[in-house]
Amino acid sequence: MELLDFIKNTLEDSPTLVKFFISSREDEDIVHQLTSFPNVEISSVKNQADIQAFVEAETKRLVRNGTLLRNSLRKLEVQTQIISKISTDSAGM
């Protein structure tokens, strides 16, 4: 809790604008301690479409340039499975 106390004290006592970037799983203690301060929450659910687009573009690029599935006879099928599996298992992370 020392770090959280430091963040709170800095936000409360600073005469100028101070910004912190805090990255963690949703933790009740952190949320409770910092609810009175303005914040921007980034949810993993909101990132899923971006992750899907990145995985799809990168997988297709790697297949196209021969880095991935170079000798596969079922490139399209396996490429689709890779995209689906990685996107699904990422859970927005």
C-alpha atoms as a PDB file:
ATOM      1  CA  MET A   1       0.000   0.000   0.000  1.00  0.00           C
ATOM      2  CA  GLU A   2       2.996   2.329   0.231  1.00  0.00           C
ATOM      3  CA  LEU A   3       2.961   2.931  -3.507  1.00  0.00           C
ATOM      4  CA  LEU A   4      -0.762   3.605  -3.502  1.00  0.00           C
ATOM      5  CA  ASP A   5      -0.363   6.024  -0.599  1.00  0.00           C
ATOM      6  CA  PHE A   6       2.416   7.809  -2.474  1.00  0.00           C
ATOM      7  CA  ILE A   7       0.222   8.159  -5.573  1.00  0.00           C
ATOM      8  CA  LYS A   8      -2.732   9.472  -3.565  1.00  0.00           C
ATOM      9  CA  ASN A   9      -0.602  11.937  -1.611  1.00  0.00           C
ATOM     10  CA  THR A  10       1.073  13.205  -4.755  1.00  0.00           C
ATOM     11  CA  LEU A  11      -2.254  13.692  -6.519  1.00  0.00           C
ATOM     12  CA  GLU A  12      -3.745  15.466  -3.515  1.00  0.00           C
ATOM     13  CA  ASP A  13      -0.778  17.673  -2.634  1.00  0.00           C
ATOM     14  CA  SER A  14       0.740  18.640  -5.963  1.00  0.00           C
ATOM     15  CA  PRO A  15       0.163  22.280  -6.952  1.00  0.00           C
ATOM     16  CA  THR A  16       0.451  21.295 -10.632  1.00  0.00           C
ATOM     17  CA  LEU A  17      -1.068  18.616 -12.803  1.00  0.00           C
ATOM     18  CA  VAL A  18       0.421  15.183 -12.158  1.00  0.00           C
ATOM     19  CA  LYS A  19      -0.369  12.110 -14.218  1.00  0.00           C
ATOM     20  CA  PHE A  20       0.245   8.469 -13.367  1.00  0.00           C
ATOM     21  CA  PHE A  21      -0.139   5.467 -15.613  1.00  0.00           C
ATOM     22  CA  ILE A  22      -1.271   2.472 -13.583  1.00  0.00           C
ATOM     23  CA  SER A  23      -1.605  -0.891 -15.224  1.00  0.00           C
ATOM     24  CA  SER A  24      -3.031  -3.863 -13.355  1.00  0.00           C
ATOM     25  CA  ARG A  25      -5.893  -6.242 -13.202  1.00  0.00           C
ATOM     26  CA  GLU A  26      -8.984  -4.623 -11.768  1.00  0.00           C
ATOM     27  CA  ASP A  27      -8.228  -4.536  -8.066  1.00  0.00           C
ATOM     28  CA  GLU A  28     -10.835  -3.357  -5.553  1.00  0.00           C
ATOM     29  CA  ASP A  29      -8.268  -1.645  -3.320  1.00  0.00           C
ATOM     30  CA  ILE A  30      -6.811   0.384  -6.169  1.00  0.00           C
ATOM     31  CA  VAL A  31     -10.213   1.305  -7.561  1.00  0.00           C
ATOM     32  CA  HIS A  32     -11.509   2.288  -4.122  1.00  0.00           C
ATOM     33  CA  GLN A  33      -8.463   4.385  -3.240  1.00  0.00           C
ATOM     34  CA  LEU A  34      -8.401   6.280  -6.546  1.00  0.00           C
ATOM     35  CA  THR A  35     -12.108   6.740  -7.346  1.00  0.00           C
ATOM     36  CA  SER A  36     -12.082  10.395  -6.335  1.00  0.00           C
ATOM     37  CA  PHE A  37      -9.464  11.256  -8.969  1.00  0.00           C
ATOM     38  CA  PRO A  38     -10.124  11.686 -12.698  1.00  0.00           C
ATOM     39  CA  ASN A  39      -9.113   8.607 -14.641  1.00  0.00           C
ATOM     40  CA  VAL A  40      -9.301   6.891 -17.984  1.00  0.00           C
ATOM     41  CA  GLU A  41     -10.031   3.203 -17.837  1.00  0.00           C
ATOM     42  CA  ILE A  42      -8.909   0.912 -20.618  1.00  0.00           C
ATOM     43  CA  SER A  43     -10.751  -2.362 -20.687  1.00  0.00           C
ATOM     44  CA  SER A  44      -9.442  -5.480 -22.374  1.00  0.00           C
ATOM     45  CA  VAL A  45     -12.874  -5.978 -23.926  1.00  0.00           C
ATOM     46  CA  LYS A  46     -12.470  -2.683 -25.769  1.00  0.00           C
ATOM     47  CA  ASN A  47      -9.176  -3.895 -27.257  1.00  0.00           C
ATOM     48  CA  GLN A  48     -10.473  -7.130 -28.774  1.00  0.00           C
ATOM     49  CA  ALA A  49     -11.213  -5.678 -32.224  1.00  0.00           C
ATOM     50  CA  ASP A  50      -7.736  -4.104 -32.376  1.00  0.00           C
ATOM     51  CA  ILE A  51      -6.116  -7.365 -31.347  1.00  0.00           C
ATOM     52  CA  GLN A  52      -8.148  -9.272 -33.927  1.00  0.00           C
ATOM     53  CA  ALA A  53      -7.128  -6.854 -36.683  1.00  0.00           C
ATOM     54  CA  PHE A  54      -3.446  -6.992 -35.702  1.00  0.00           C
ATOM     55  CA  VAL A  55      -3.325 -10.785 -35.446  1.00  0.00           C
ATOM     56  CA  GLU A  56      -5.072 -11.164 -38.791  1.00  0.00           C
ATOM     57  CA  ALA A  57      -2.839  -8.659 -40.612  1.00  0.00           C
ATOM     58  CA  GLU A  58       0.387  -9.981 -39.088  1.00  0.00           C
ATOM     59  CA  THR A  59      -0.480 -13.639 -39.706  1.00  0.00           C
ATOM     60  CA  LYS A  60      -1.365 -12.942 -43.323  1.00  0.00           C
ATOM     61  CA  ARG A  61       1.848 -10.960 -43.788  1.00  0.00           C
ATOM     62  CA  LEU A  62       3.961 -13.783 -42.343  1.00  0.00           C
ATOM     63  CA  VAL A  63       2.245 -16.366 -44.553  1.00  0.00           C
ATOM     64  CA  ARG A  64       2.592 -14.156 -47.622  1.00  0.00           C
ATOM     65  CA  ASN A  65       6.339 -13.587 -47.139  1.00  0.00           C
ATOM     66  CA  GLY A  66       6.992 -17.272 -46.380  1.00  0.00           C
ATOM     67  CA  THR A  67       8.003 -16.900 -42.745  1.00  0.00           C
ATOM     68  CA  LEU A  68       4.970 -18.860 -41.577  1.00  0.00           C
ATOM     69  CA  LEU A  69       3.487 -22.028 -43.115  1.00  0.00           C
ATOM     70  CA  ARG A  70       6.064 -22.035 -45.903  1.00  0.00           C
ATOM     71  CA  ASN A  71       5.661 -25.742 -46.720  1.00  0.00           C
ATOM     72  CA  SER A  72       2.054 -26.190 -45.684  1.00  0.00           C
ATOM     73  CA  LEU A  73      -0.388 -27.678 -48.158  1.00  0.00           C
ATOM     74  CA  ARG A  74      -3.304 -26.190 -46.193  1.00  0.00           C
ATOM     75  CA  LYS A  75      -2.103 -22.611 -45.749  1.00  0.00           C
ATOM     76  CA  LEU A  76      -5.509 -20.926 -45.822  1.00  0.00           C
ATOM     77  CA  GLU A  77      -7.080 -23.424 -43.425  1.00  0.00           C
ATOM     78  CA  VAL A  78      -4.203 -23.300 -40.935  1.00  0.00           C
ATOM     79  CA  GLN A  79      -3.908 -19.517 -41.259  1.00  0.00           C
ATOM     80  CA  THR A  80      -7.589 -19.181 -40.344  1.00  0.00           C
ATOM     81  CA  GLN A  81      -7.118 -21.505 -37.354  1.00  0.00           C
ATOM     82  CA  ILE A  82      -4.098 -19.524 -36.131  1.00  0.00           C
ATOM     83  CA  ILE A  83      -5.965 -16.220 -36.351  1.00  0.00           C
ATOM     84  CA  SER A  84      -9.003 -17.640 -34.586  1.00  0.00           C
ATOM     85  CA  LYS A  85      -7.050 -19.350 -31.795  1.00  0.00           C
ATOM     86  CA  ILE A  86      -4.743 -16.424 -30.979  1.00  0.00           C
ATOM     87  CA  SER A  87      -7.550 -13.854 -31.133  1.00  0.00           C
ATOM     88  CA  THR A  88      -9.869 -15.938 -28.959  1.00  0.00           C
ATOM     89  CA  ASP A  89      -7.227 -16.857 -26.400  1.00  0.00           C
ATOM     90  CA  SER A  90      -5.945 -13.294 -26.094  1.00  0.00           C
ATOM     91  CA  ALA A  91      -9.145 -12.316 -24.255  1.00  0.00           C
ATOM     92  CA  GLY A  92      -8.486  -8.699 -25.165  1.00  0.00           C
ATOM     93  CA  MET A  93      -5.007  -8.626 -23.641  1.00  0.00           C
END
